[in-house]
Amino acid sequence: MINPIDKKIFSFIEEHHVLSLATSVNNFVYTANCFYIFNQDSNEFIFTSSKDTRHGGEMLENNNIAANIVLETKTIGKIQGLQITGIAKELKGEEEKKAKKQYLKKYPYAILKTETMWSINVSFFKLTDNRLGFGKKIIWKKS
């Protein structure tokens, strides 16, 4: 049986456009911010970044990643954030062409520097949403 993802998680993802990506090689961690699109059908984030960046090279060496998306606010009752873990993959061939077309539809200016296309296949979501009650968490794990 497929473990359904709460619609509040999808809504939060759609309201934002930048995720903070965390990579790690040899116990040294690194973060980078990436514009993304999200494919609900495959449960994947799609983004672009060069393999020559630190995070790009680290994803090739260790594809286990973590990420987060956050709403910046100082109002406790409005705090929202999504924590993510998953597997990063360099897209190639038809997957890359399809992803690039979708990505450029949302970010047409990226045509100036669209490099390697990546996906993150999500294995875990934790949404914190204080609008639903202080410290309210919605957790999803890939089964």
Protein backbone atom coordinates (compact mmCIF):
# COMPACT_ATOMS: atom_id res chain seq x y z
CA MET A 1 0.00 0.00 0.00
CA ILE A 2 1.27 3.48 -0.90
CA ASN A 3 1.69 5.87 2.00
CA PRO A 4 -0.19 9.04 0.88
CA ILE A 5 1.45 12.42 1.38
CA ASP A 6 -0.64 14.99 3.24
CA LYS A 7 -1.88 17.74 0.91
CA LYS A 8 -0.61 20.38 3.36
CA ILE A 9 2.94 19.30 2.45
CA PHE A 10 2.26 19.74 -1.28
CA SER A 11 0.63 23.13 -0.63
CA PHE A 12 3.66 24.32 1.34
CA ILE A 13 6.04 23.19 -1.43
CA GLU A 14 3.98 25.01 -4.07
CA GLU A 15 3.98 28.26 -2.04
CA HIS A 16 7.79 28.46 -2.14
CA HIS A 17 10.53 28.20 -4.74
CA VAL A 18 13.92 27.90 -2.97
CA LEU A 19 15.21 24.96 -0.95
CA SER A 20 18.37 24.80 1.11
CA LEU A 21 20.24 21.67 0.10
CA ALA A 22 22.68 19.92 2.44
CA THR A 23 25.36 17.54 1.16
CA SER A 24 28.11 15.67 2.95
CA VAL A 25 31.35 13.95 2.00
CA ASN A 26 33.80 12.52 4.54
CA ASN A 27 31.73 13.99 7.39
CA PHE A 28 32.14 17.53 6.08
CA VAL A 29 28.74 19.11 5.42
CA TYR A 30 27.84 21.88 3.02
CA THR A 31 24.70 23.81 2.09
CA ALA A 32 23.49 25.55 -1.04
CA ASN A 33 20.26 27.25 -2.06
CA CYS A 34 18.47 26.06 -5.19
CA PHE A 35 15.39 27.16 -7.10
CA TYR A 36 13.18 24.11 -7.61
CA ILE A 37 10.12 22.68 -9.22
CA PHE A 38 8.29 19.74 -7.66
CA ASN A 39 6.74 16.78 -9.44
CA GLN A 40 3.97 15.33 -7.25
CA ASP A 41 3.58 12.25 -9.47
CA SER A 42 7.15 11.10 -8.90
CA ASN A 43 7.64 12.83 -5.52
CA GLU A 44 10.75 14.59 -6.79
CA PHE A 45 12.27 18.03 -6.60
CA ILE A 46 13.96 19.15 -9.83
CA PHE A 47 16.71 21.78 -9.88
CA THR A 48 19.76 22.81 -11.85
CA SER A 49 23.34 23.26 -10.73
CA SER A 50 26.78 22.62 -12.15
CA LYS A 51 28.66 19.45 -11.32
CA ASP A 52 31.63 21.79 -10.75
CA THR A 53 30.03 23.37 -7.68
CA ARG A 54 30.92 21.94 -4.29
CA HIS A 55 27.40 20.58 -3.71
CA GLY A 56 27.26 19.19 -7.28
CA GLY A 57 30.48 17.27 -6.83
CA GLU A 58 29.41 16.07 -3.40
CA MET A 59 26.08 14.76 -4.74
CA LEU A 60 28.03 12.71 -7.30
CA GLU A 61 30.15 11.27 -4.49
CA ASN A 62 27.38 10.83 -1.87
CA ASN A 63 23.84 11.14 -3.18
CA ASN A 64 22.16 11.07 0.25
CA ILE A 65 20.95 14.61 0.87
CA ALA A 66 18.90 16.65 3.28
CA ALA A 67 17.06 19.86 2.48
CA ASN A 68 14.64 22.33 3.96
CA ILE A 69 12.21 24.97 2.89
CA VAL A 70 11.23 27.63 5.40
CA LEU A 71 8.90 30.57 5.73
CA GLU A 72 10.81 33.44 7.31
CA THR A 73 8.74 35.00 10.08
CA LYS A 74 9.18 36.22 13.62
CA THR A 75 5.53 35.55 14.43
CA ILE A 76 5.44 32.27 16.39
CA GLY A 77 1.91 31.44 15.28
CA LYS A 78 2.94 31.63 11.60
CA ILE A 79 6.10 29.48 11.76
CA GLN A 80 6.26 26.92 8.96
CA GLY A 81 9.07 24.77 7.64
CA LEU A 82 9.64 21.54 5.76
CA GLN A 83 12.53 19.18 6.40
CA ILE A 84 13.40 16.70 3.66
CA THR A 85 15.69 13.74 3.10
CA GLY A 86 16.19 11.88 -0.13
CA ILE A 87 18.44 10.67 -2.89
CA ALA A 88 19.91 13.08 -5.45
CA LYS A 89 20.42 11.99 -9.02
CA GLU A 90 21.96 13.62 -12.07
CA LEU A 91 19.37 13.52 -14.84
CA LYS A 92 20.42 12.39 -18.31
CA GLY A 93 18.84 11.72 -21.68
CA GLU A 94 15.06 11.96 -21.92
CA GLU A 95 14.71 12.54 -18.16
CA GLU A 96 16.99 15.56 -18.45
CA LYS A 97 15.15 16.98 -21.49
CA LYS A 98 11.75 16.63 -19.83
CA ALA A 99 12.99 18.14 -16.54
CA LYS A 100 14.71 21.06 -18.30
CA LYS A 101 11.52 21.87 -20.25
CA GLN A 102 9.46 21.88 -17.02
CA TYR A 103 12.08 23.90 -15.15
CA LEU A 104 12.41 26.54 -17.88
CA LYS A 105 8.64 26.91 -18.01
CA LYS A 106 8.72 28.12 -14.40
CA TYR A 107 12.09 29.91 -14.57
CA PRO A 108 12.56 31.09 -18.19
CA TYR A 109 15.54 33.27 -17.23
CA ALA A 110 17.41 30.08 -16.26
CA ILE A 111 18.03 29.52 -19.98
CA LEU A 112 21.07 31.76 -19.47
CA LYS A 113 22.72 29.26 -17.11
CA THR A 114 20.84 25.95 -17.09
CA GLU A 115 23.52 23.39 -16.38
CA THR A 116 23.22 19.88 -15.00
CA MET A 117 19.65 18.91 -14.13
CA TRP A 118 19.18 17.07 -10.84
CA SER A 119 16.34 15.37 -9.06
CA ILE A 120 15.81 14.59 -5.40
CA ASN A 121 13.66 11.54 -4.83
CA VAL A 122 12.13 12.22 -1.43
CA SER A 123 12.16 9.57 1.31
CA PHE A 124 11.04 11.76 4.24
CA PHE A 125 9.08 14.94 4.88
CA LYS A 126 8.46 16.70 8.19
CA LEU A 127 6.27 19.77 7.97
CA THR A 128 6.09 22.03 11.01
CA ASP A 129 3.10 24.37 10.82
CA ASN A 130 2.23 26.43 13.88
CA ARG A 131 -0.91 27.70 12.16
CA LEU A 132 -2.34 24.23 12.89
CA GLY A 133 -1.32 24.43 16.56
CA PHE A 134 1.93 25.20 18.33
CA GLY A 135 4.61 22.72 17.24
CA LYS A 136 2.23 20.76 15.00
CA LYS A 137 4.18 18.29 12.83
CA ILE A 138 3.05 16.32 9.80
CA ILE A 139 5.45 13.48 8.98
CA TRP A 140 5.64 11.31 5.88
CA LYS A 141 8.09 8.47 5.27
CA LYS A 142 8.53 6.47 2.09
CA SER A 143 7.29 2.94 2.68
